[in-house]
Amino acid sequence: MSQSTGTQVPQLSVIDSLNNAPISFFHLRAAFSAGMGFFTDAYDLFLIGSALVFIKPEWQLRDTRPQS
């Protein structure tokens, strides 16, 4: 059995450590990278719809789904 000295040392959780950490260049770089990844993904989806209007007649694309 271990004996308690009566003093409690506060245990910091990982979330508390992250919340209390100062913002560094790494945090800014990570946020920028995540933001640019989201931007390029969304821009790609937007651009496909716009470019398809011009590509469809040039490549003679047509709907090949069976008519029901």
PDB file of N, CA and C in Angstrom:
ATOM      1  N   MET A   1       0.821  -1.185   0.000  1.00  0.00           N
ATOM      2  CA  MET A   1       0.000   0.000   0.000  1.00  0.00           C
ATOM      3  C   MET A   1       0.863   1.246   0.000  1.00  0.00           C
ATOM      4  N   SER A   2       0.450   2.227  -0.773  1.00  0.00           N
ATOM      5  CA  SER A   2       1.209   3.471  -0.773  1.00  0.00           C
ATOM      6  C   SER A   2       0.526   4.467   0.142  1.00  0.00           C
ATOM      7  N   GLN A   3       1.319   5.280   0.746  1.00  0.00           N
ATOM      8  CA  GLN A   3       0.761   6.284   1.647  1.00  0.00           C
ATOM      9  C   GLN A   3       0.642   7.608   0.920  1.00  0.00           C
ATOM     10  N   SER A   4      -0.438   8.284   1.145  1.00  0.00           N
ATOM     11  CA  SER A   4      -0.681   9.576   0.529  1.00  0.00           C
ATOM     12  C   SER A   4      -0.131  10.670   1.436  1.00  0.00           C
ATOM     13  N   THR A   5       0.509  11.648   0.827  1.00  0.00           N
ATOM     14  CA  THR A   5       1.061  12.759   1.605  1.00  0.00           C
ATOM     15  C   THR A   5       0.045  13.857   1.822  1.00  0.00           C
ATOM     16  N   GLY A   6      -1.114  13.747   1.171  1.00  0.00           N
ATOM     17  CA  GLY A   6      -2.146  14.750   1.358  1.00  0.00           C
ATOM     18  C   GLY A   6      -2.094  15.873   0.341  1.00  0.00           C
ATOM     19  N   THR A   7      -1.050  15.948  -0.474  1.00  0.00           N
ATOM     20  CA  THR A   7      -0.984  16.994  -1.500  1.00  0.00           C
ATOM     21  C   THR A   7      -1.352  16.371  -2.837  1.00  0.00           C
ATOM     22  N   GLN A   8      -2.202  17.028  -3.527  1.00  0.00           N
ATOM     23  CA  GLN A   8      -2.645  16.565  -4.832  1.00  0.00           C
ATOM     24  C   GLN A   8      -1.928  17.372  -5.923  1.00  0.00           C
ATOM     25  N   VAL A   9      -1.304  16.674  -6.834  1.00  0.00           N
ATOM     26  CA  VAL A   9      -0.673  17.322  -7.983  1.00  0.00           C
ATOM     27  C   VAL A   9      -1.694  17.305  -9.109  1.00  0.00           C
ATOM     28  N   PRO A  10      -2.073  18.463  -9.634  1.00  0.00           N
ATOM     29  CA  PRO A  10      -3.088  18.472 -10.693  1.00  0.00           C
ATOM     30  C   PRO A  10      -2.555  17.787 -11.954  1.00  0.00           C
ATOM     31  N   GLN A  11      -3.355  16.915 -12.504  1.00  0.00           N
ATOM     32  CA  GLN A  11      -3.005  16.214 -13.735  1.00  0.00           C
ATOM     33  C   GLN A  11      -3.592  16.978 -14.914  1.00  0.00           C
ATOM     34  N   LEU A  12      -2.739  17.430 -15.799  1.00  0.00           N
ATOM     35  CA  LEU A  12      -3.202  18.125 -16.990  1.00  0.00           C
ATOM     36  C   LEU A  12      -3.547  17.105 -18.061  1.00  0.00           C
ATOM     37  N   SER A  13      -4.699  17.262 -18.644  1.00  0.00           N
ATOM     38  CA  SER A  13      -5.067  16.381 -19.741  1.00  0.00           C
ATOM     39  C   SER A  13      -4.433  16.913 -21.030  1.00  0.00           C
ATOM     40  N   VAL A  14      -4.483  16.104 -22.040  1.00  0.00           N
ATOM     41  CA  VAL A  14      -3.928  16.508 -23.335  1.00  0.00           C
ATOM     42  C   VAL A  14      -4.679  17.722 -23.871  1.00  0.00           C
ATOM     43  N   ILE A  15      -5.977  17.746 -23.712  1.00  0.00           N
ATOM     44  CA  ILE A  15      -6.780  18.866 -24.212  1.00  0.00           C
ATOM     45  C   ILE A  15      -6.417  20.152 -23.479  1.00  0.00           C
ATOM     46  N   ASP A  16      -6.220  20.061 -22.157  1.00  0.00           N
ATOM     47  CA  ASP A  16      -5.814  21.248 -21.405  1.00  0.00           C
ATOM     48  C   ASP A  16      -4.450  21.743 -21.876  1.00  0.00           C
ATOM     49  N   SER A  17      -3.537  20.821 -22.147  1.00  0.00           N
ATOM     50  CA  SER A  17      -2.212  21.211 -22.624  1.00  0.00           C
ATOM     51  C   SER A  17      -2.296  21.914 -23.974  1.00  0.00           C
ATOM     52  N   LEU A  18      -3.145  21.391 -24.854  1.00  0.00           N
ATOM     53  CA  LEU A  18      -3.290  22.011 -26.175  1.00  0.00           C
ATOM     54  C   LEU A  18      -3.974  23.367 -26.075  1.00  0.00           C
ATOM     55  N   ASN A  19      -4.959  23.484 -25.211  1.00  0.00           N
ATOM     56  CA  ASN A  19      -5.649  24.765 -25.046  1.00  0.00           C
ATOM     57  C   ASN A  19      -4.745  25.832 -24.453  1.00  0.00           C
ATOM     58  N   ASN A  20      -3.795  25.443 -23.635  1.00  0.00           N
ATOM     59  CA  ASN A  20      -2.911  26.403 -22.981  1.00  0.00           C
ATOM     60  C   ASN A  20      -1.610  26.644 -23.744  1.00  0.00           C
ATOM     61  N   ALA A  21      -1.391  25.935 -24.835  1.00  0.00           N
ATOM     62  CA  ALA A  21      -0.153  26.092 -25.604  1.00  0.00           C
ATOM     63  C   ALA A  21      -0.176  27.421 -26.359  1.00  0.00           C
ATOM     64  N   PRO A  22       0.952  28.115 -26.411  1.00  0.00           N
ATOM     65  CA  PRO A  22       0.994  29.360 -27.189  1.00  0.00           C
ATOM     66  C   PRO A  22       0.966  29.055 -28.688  1.00  0.00           C
ATOM     67  N   ILE A  23       0.407  29.972 -29.440  1.00  0.00           N
ATOM     68  CA  ILE A  23       0.341  29.799 -30.890  1.00  0.00           C
ATOM     69  C   ILE A  23       1.729  30.048 -31.470  1.00  0.00           C
ATOM     70  N   SER A  24       2.184  29.089 -32.260  1.00  0.00           N
ATOM     71  CA  SER A  24       3.515  29.191 -32.859  1.00  0.00           C
ATOM     72  C   SER A  24       3.380  29.200 -34.383  1.00  0.00           C
ATOM     73  N   PHE A  25       4.516  29.280 -35.044  1.00  0.00           N
ATOM     74  CA  PHE A  25       4.530  29.265 -36.495  1.00  0.00           C
ATOM     75  C   PHE A  25       3.981  27.947 -37.023  1.00  0.00           C
ATOM     76  N   PHE A  26       4.222  26.844 -36.302  1.00  0.00           N
ATOM     77  CA  PHE A  26       3.694  25.545 -36.710  1.00  0.00           C
ATOM     78  C   PHE A  26       2.173  25.569 -36.770  1.00  0.00           C
ATOM     79  N   HIS A  27       1.533  26.185 -35.781  1.00  0.00           N
ATOM     80  CA  HIS A  27       0.072  26.248 -35.764  1.00  0.00           C
ATOM     81  C   HIS A  27      -0.454  27.046 -36.955  1.00  0.00           C
ATOM     82  N   LEU A  28       0.196  28.153 -37.234  1.00  0.00           N
ATOM     83  CA  LEU A  28      -0.231  28.969 -38.376  1.00  0.00           C
ATOM     84  C   LEU A  28      -0.034  28.228 -39.690  1.00  0.00           C
ATOM     85  N   ARG A  29       1.084  27.528 -39.814  1.00  0.00           N
ATOM     86  CA  ARG A  29       1.363  26.765 -41.035  1.00  0.00           C
ATOM     87  C   ARG A  29       0.361  25.622 -41.194  1.00  0.00           C
ATOM     88  N   ALA A  30       0.011  24.941 -40.107  1.00  0.00           N
ATOM     89  CA  ALA A  30      -0.966  23.852 -40.171  1.00  0.00           C
ATOM     90  C   ALA A  30      -2.349  24.374 -40.556  1.00  0.00           C
ATOM     91  N   ALA A  31      -2.750  25.496 -39.990  1.00  0.00           N
ATOM     92  CA  ALA A  31      -4.049  26.085 -40.323  1.00  0.00           C
ATOM     93  C   ALA A  31      -4.077  26.551 -41.779  1.00  0.00           C
ATOM     94  N   PHE A  32      -3.001  27.138 -42.233  1.00  0.00           N
ATOM     95  CA  PHE A  32      -2.919  27.588 -43.629  1.00  0.00           C
ATOM     96  C   PHE A  32      -2.972  26.404 -44.585  1.00  0.00           C
ATOM     97  N   SER A  33      -2.241  25.337 -44.265  1.00  0.00           N
ATOM     98  CA  SER A  33      -2.239  24.148 -45.123  1.00  0.00           C
ATOM     99  C   SER A  33      -3.615  23.514 -45.197  1.00  0.00           C
ATOM    100  N   ALA A  34      -4.292  23.414 -44.070  1.00  0.00           N
ATOM    101  CA  ALA A  34      -5.638  22.835 -44.062  1.00  0.00           C
ATOM    102  C   ALA A  34      -6.604  23.721 -44.848  1.00  0.00           C
ATOM    103  N   GLY A  35      -6.488  25.016 -44.685  1.00  0.00           N
ATOM    104  CA  GLY A  35      -7.355  25.935 -45.411  1.00  0.00           C
ATOM    105  C   GLY A  35      -7.128  25.887 -46.910  1.00  0.00           C
ATOM    106  N   MET A  36      -5.877  25.805 -47.324  1.00  0.00           N
ATOM    107  CA  MET A  36      -5.588  25.739 -48.757  1.00  0.00           C
ATOM    108  C   MET A  36      -6.029  24.405 -49.349  1.00  0.00           C
ATOM    109  N   GLY A  37      -5.948  23.340 -48.571  1.00  0.00           N
ATOM    110  CA  GLY A  37      -6.443  22.045 -49.045  1.00  0.00           C
ATOM    111  C   GLY A  37      -7.938  22.093 -49.283  1.00  0.00           C
ATOM    112  N   PHE A  38      -8.675  22.690 -48.355  1.00  0.00           N
ATOM    113  CA  PHE A  38     -10.121  22.833 -48.520  1.00  0.00           C
ATOM    114  C   PHE A  38     -10.442  23.735 -49.708  1.00  0.00           C
ATOM    115  N   PHE A  39      -9.702  24.829 -49.853  1.00  0.00           N
ATOM    116  CA  PHE A  39      -9.941  25.758 -50.952  1.00  0.00           C
ATOM    117  C   PHE A  39      -9.719  25.086 -52.300  1.00  0.00           C
ATOM    118  N   THR A  40      -8.611  24.366 -52.461  1.00  0.00           N
ATOM    119  CA  THR A  40      -8.327  23.751 -53.762  1.00  0.00           C
ATOM    120  C   THR A  40      -9.323  22.641 -54.075  1.00  0.00           C
ATOM    121  N   ASP A  41      -9.784  21.923 -53.062  1.00  0.00           N
ATOM    122  CA  ASP A  41     -10.779  20.880 -53.303  1.00  0.00           C
ATOM    123  C   ASP A  41     -12.097  21.505 -53.758  1.00  0.00           C
ATOM    124  N   ALA A  42     -12.540  22.541 -53.081  1.00  0.00           N
ATOM    125  CA  ALA A  42     -13.795  23.198 -53.451  1.00  0.00           C
ATOM    126  C   ALA A  42     -13.667  23.899 -54.806  1.00  0.00           C
ATOM    127  N   TYR A  43     -12.526  24.516 -55.064  1.00  0.00           N
ATOM    128  CA  TYR A  43     -12.325  25.209 -56.340  1.00  0.00           C
ATOM    129  C   TYR A  43     -12.320  24.211 -57.485  1.00  0.00           C
ATOM    130  N   ASP A  44     -11.740  23.041 -57.265  1.00  0.00           N
ATOM    131  CA  ASP A  44     -11.709  22.000 -58.283  1.00  0.00           C
ATOM    132  C   ASP A  44     -13.125  21.579 -58.655  1.00  0.00           C
ATOM    133  N   LEU A  45     -13.975  21.376 -57.645  1.00  0.00           N
ATOM    134  CA  LEU A  45     -15.352  20.977 -57.929  1.00  0.00           C
ATOM    135  C   LEU A  45     -16.113  22.072 -58.665  1.00  0.00           C
ATOM    136  N   PHE A  46     -15.854  23.321 -58.324  1.00  0.00           N
ATOM    137  CA  PHE A  46     -16.500  24.431 -59.021  1.00  0.00           C
ATOM    138  C   PHE A  46     -16.015  24.511 -60.467  1.00  0.00           C
ATOM    139  N   LEU A  47     -14.734  24.340 -60.667  1.00  0.00           N
ATOM    140  CA  LEU A  47     -14.149  24.490 -61.990  1.00  0.00           C
ATOM    141  C   LEU A  47     -14.572  23.381 -62.946  1.00  0.00           C
ATOM    142  N   ILE A  48     -14.774  22.177 -62.438  1.00  0.00           N
ATOM    143  CA  ILE A  48     -15.197  21.076 -63.303  1.00  0.00           C
ATOM    144  C   ILE A  48     -16.543  21.397 -63.949  1.00  0.00           C
ATOM    145  N   GLY A  49     -17.471  21.924 -63.167  1.00  0.00           N
ATOM    146  CA  GLY A  49     -18.785  22.260 -63.716  1.00  0.00           C
ATOM    147  C   GLY A  49     -18.709  23.353 -64.768  1.00  0.00           C
ATOM    148  N   SER A  50     -17.875  24.336 -64.537  1.00  0.00           N
ATOM    149  CA  SER A  50     -17.735  25.427 -65.510  1.00  0.00           C
ATOM    150  C   SER A  50     -16.994  24.974 -66.764  1.00  0.00           C
ATOM    151  N   ALA A  51     -15.955  24.193 -66.594  1.00  0.00           N
ATOM    152  CA  ALA A  51     -15.162  23.754 -67.748  1.00  0.00           C
ATOM    153  C   ALA A  51     -15.931  22.752 -68.598  1.00  0.00           C
ATOM    154  N   LEU A  52     -16.815  21.977 -67.983  1.00  0.00           N
ATOM    155  CA  LEU A  52     -17.573  20.983 -68.734  1.00  0.00           C
ATOM    156  C   LEU A  52     -18.450  21.614 -69.797  1.00  0.00           C
ATOM    157  N   VAL A  53     -18.916  22.822 -69.572  1.00  0.00           N
ATOM    158  CA  VAL A  53     -19.736  23.527 -70.557  1.00  0.00           C
ATOM    159  C   VAL A  53     -18.943  23.734 -71.849  1.00  0.00           C
ATOM    160  N   PHE A  54     -17.652  24.019 -71.734  1.00  0.00           N
ATOM    161  CA  PHE A  54     -16.820  24.258 -72.918  1.00  0.00           C
ATOM    162  C   PHE A  54     -16.227  22.963 -73.483  1.00  0.00           C
ATOM    163  N   ILE A  55     -15.996  21.991 -72.628  1.00  0.00           N
ATOM    164  CA  ILE A  55     -15.371  20.741 -73.079  1.00  0.00           C
ATOM    165  C   ILE A  55     -16.365  19.830 -73.786  1.00  0.00           C
ATOM    166  N   LYS A  56     -17.618  19.852 -73.352  1.00  0.00           N
ATOM    167  CA  LYS A  56     -18.622  18.929 -73.887  1.00  0.00           C
ATOM    168  C   LYS A  56     -18.772  19.034 -75.408  1.00  0.00           C
ATOM    169  N   PRO A  57     -18.963  20.206 -76.002  1.00  0.00           N
ATOM    170  CA  PRO A  57     -19.083  20.262 -77.462  1.00  0.00           C
ATOM    171  C   PRO A  57     -17.759  19.957 -78.177  1.00  0.00           C
ATOM    172  N   GLU A  58     -16.648  20.343 -77.575  1.00  0.00           N
ATOM    173  CA  GLU A  58     -15.347  20.129 -78.206  1.00  0.00           C
ATOM    174  C   GLU A  58     -15.020  18.641 -78.329  1.00  0.00           C
ATOM    175  N   TRP A  59     -15.365  17.875 -77.317  1.00  0.00           N
ATOM    176  CA  TRP A  59     -15.060  16.439 -77.308  1.00  0.00           C
ATOM    177  C   TRP A  59     -16.268  15.592 -77.731  1.00  0.00           C
ATOM    178  N   GLN A  60     -17.334  16.237 -78.165  1.00  0.00           N
ATOM    179  CA  GLN A  60     -18.573  15.577 -78.570  1.00  0.00           C
ATOM    180  C   GLN A  60     -19.063  14.589 -77.511  1.00  0.00           C
ATOM    181  N   LEU A  61     -19.141  15.070 -76.280  1.00  0.00           N
ATOM    182  CA  LEU A  61     -19.636  14.233 -75.192  1.00  0.00           C
ATOM    183  C   LEU A  61     -21.153  14.214 -75.235  1.00  0.00           C
ATOM    184  N   ARG A  62     -21.722  13.083 -74.925  1.00  0.00           N
ATOM    185  CA  ARG A  62     -23.174  12.978 -74.873  1.00  0.00           C
ATOM    186  C   ARG A  62     -23.561  12.030 -73.743  1.00  0.00           C
ATOM    187  N   ASP A  63     -24.816  12.068 -73.397  1.00  0.00           N
ATOM    188  CA  ASP A  63     -25.337  11.231 -72.337  1.00  0.00           C
ATOM    189  C   ASP A  63     -25.512   9.804 -72.870  1.00  0.00           C
ATOM    190  N   THR A  64     -24.890   8.835 -72.215  1.00  0.00           N
ATOM    191  CA  THR A  64     -24.961   7.436 -72.672  1.00  0.00           C
ATOM    192  C   THR A  64     -25.830   6.587 -71.750  1.00  0.00           C
ATOM    193  N   ARG A  65     -26.541   7.227 -70.825  1.00  0.00           N
ATOM    194  CA  ARG A  65     -27.413   6.468 -69.932  1.00  0.00           C
ATOM    195  C   ARG A  65     -28.616   5.946 -70.723  1.00  0.00           C
ATOM    196  N   PRO A  66     -29.077   4.724 -70.423  1.00  0.00           N
ATOM    197  CA  PRO A  66     -30.262   4.218 -71.117  1.00  0.00           C
ATOM    198  C   PRO A  66     -31.498   5.028 -70.734  1.00  0.00           C
ATOM    199  N   GLN A  67     -32.326   5.279 -71.722  1.00  0.00           N
ATOM    200  CA  GLN A  67     -33.554   6.042 -71.490  1.00  0.00           C
ATOM    201  C   GLN A  67     -34.595   5.117 -70.861  1.00  0.00           C
ATOM    202  N   SER A  68     -35.202   5.573 -69.766  1.00  0.00           N
ATOM    203  CA  SER A  68     -36.224   4.721 -69.132  1.00  0.00           C
ATOM    204  C   SER A  68     -37.572   5.387 -69.127  1.00  0.00           C
TER     205      SER A  68
END
